[in-house]
Amino acid sequence: MTRAEVQEADAVPQTAANVVIEMPFQAEKAYANPFTDVMLDVDVTDPAGEVKRVPAFWAGGAEWRLRYASPLIGTHTYC
């Protein structure tokens, strides 16, 4: 799945350090077998500039979810 095929959630999630945050993503089309047809990884950049590739998982239907926790306080970005 490419970035163009995913619609990001409108809300900007916020959390404390070392607390897992879950972010939903919606695919723009249906897949016959999401487990084999799609691999969704999200590149998360922490406040120190380090990029971590985090796998997302299929949550049913057209929904995918990313779970992420960081020990760093500050703004994290993703793409």
Protein backbone atom coordinates (compact mmCIF):
# COMPACT_ATOMS: atom_id res chain seq x y z
CA MET A 1 0.00 0.00 0.00
CA THR A 2 1.44 3.37 -0.91
CA ARG A 3 0.97 6.60 0.99
CA ALA A 4 -1.49 7.72 -1.68
CA GLU A 5 -3.68 4.73 -0.85
CA VAL A 6 -3.94 5.57 2.86
CA GLN A 7 -6.00 8.32 4.42
CA GLU A 8 -4.54 9.59 7.67
CA ALA A 9 -6.67 10.25 10.73
CA ASP A 10 -7.64 13.92 11.11
CA ALA A 11 -6.82 14.20 14.81
CA VAL A 12 -3.26 14.72 16.00
CA PRO A 13 -2.68 12.17 18.76
CA GLN A 14 -0.83 13.18 21.91
CA THR A 15 0.53 11.07 24.75
CA ALA A 16 3.17 10.99 27.48
CA ALA A 17 6.60 9.39 27.06
CA ASN A 18 6.69 5.57 27.15
CA VAL A 19 2.95 5.24 26.59
CA VAL A 20 1.66 3.32 23.57
CA ILE A 21 -0.39 5.32 21.11
CA GLU A 22 -2.55 3.69 18.44
CA MET A 23 -3.24 5.51 15.19
CA PRO A 24 -5.83 4.32 12.64
CA PHE A 25 -5.40 4.47 8.87
CA GLN A 26 -8.05 3.75 6.23
CA ALA A 27 -7.26 2.04 2.93
CA GLU A 28 -8.94 3.59 -0.08
CA LYS A 29 -9.77 0.21 -1.60
CA ALA A 30 -10.64 -3.29 -0.42
CA TYR A 31 -8.16 -6.16 -0.63
CA ALA A 32 -9.14 -9.79 -1.12
CA ASN A 33 -6.53 -10.97 1.38
CA PRO A 34 -5.02 -8.10 3.40
CA PHE A 35 -2.52 -10.44 5.09
CA THR A 36 -0.80 -11.31 1.81
CA ASP A 37 -1.78 -8.39 -0.45
CA VAL A 38 -0.62 -5.51 1.75
CA MET A 39 2.37 -4.56 3.83
CA LEU A 40 2.09 -1.21 5.59
CA ASP A 41 5.12 0.22 7.38
CA VAL A 42 5.18 3.75 8.78
CA ASP A 43 8.40 5.75 9.14
CA VAL A 44 8.29 7.65 12.44
CA THR A 45 10.84 10.40 13.10
CA ASP A 46 11.44 11.19 16.76
CA PRO A 47 12.42 14.63 18.15
CA ALA A 48 16.13 13.67 17.93
CA GLY A 49 15.75 13.05 14.18
CA GLU A 50 16.02 9.26 14.36
CA VAL A 51 13.73 7.42 11.93
CA LYS A 52 12.14 4.16 12.99
CA ARG A 53 10.17 1.94 10.60
CA VAL A 54 7.11 0.64 12.45
CA PRO A 55 4.85 -2.06 10.97
CA ALA A 56 1.11 -1.45 11.01
CA PHE A 57 -1.43 -4.24 11.28
CA TRP A 58 -4.76 -4.99 9.64
CA ALA A 59 -7.62 -4.26 12.05
CA GLY A 60 -10.44 -5.53 9.85
CA GLY A 61 -12.29 -4.14 6.85
CA ALA A 62 -10.34 -1.23 5.36
CA GLU A 63 -8.73 -0.25 8.67
CA TRP A 64 -5.07 -0.53 9.56
CA ARG A 65 -3.51 0.46 12.89
CA LEU A 66 -0.11 1.55 14.07
CA ARG A 67 1.02 1.14 17.68
CA TYR A 68 4.01 3.19 18.77
CA ALA A 69 5.65 4.32 22.01
CA SER A 70 8.68 6.55 22.47
CA PRO A 71 10.79 7.45 25.48
CA LEU A 72 11.30 10.93 24.02
CA ILE A 73 9.03 13.87 24.75
CA GLY A 74 8.32 16.16 21.82
CA THR A 75 6.89 16.16 18.34
CA HIS A 76 7.11 12.95 16.34
CA THR A 77 6.27 12.94 12.64
CA TYR A 78 5.38 10.06 10.34
CA CYS A 79 5.05 9.24 6.68
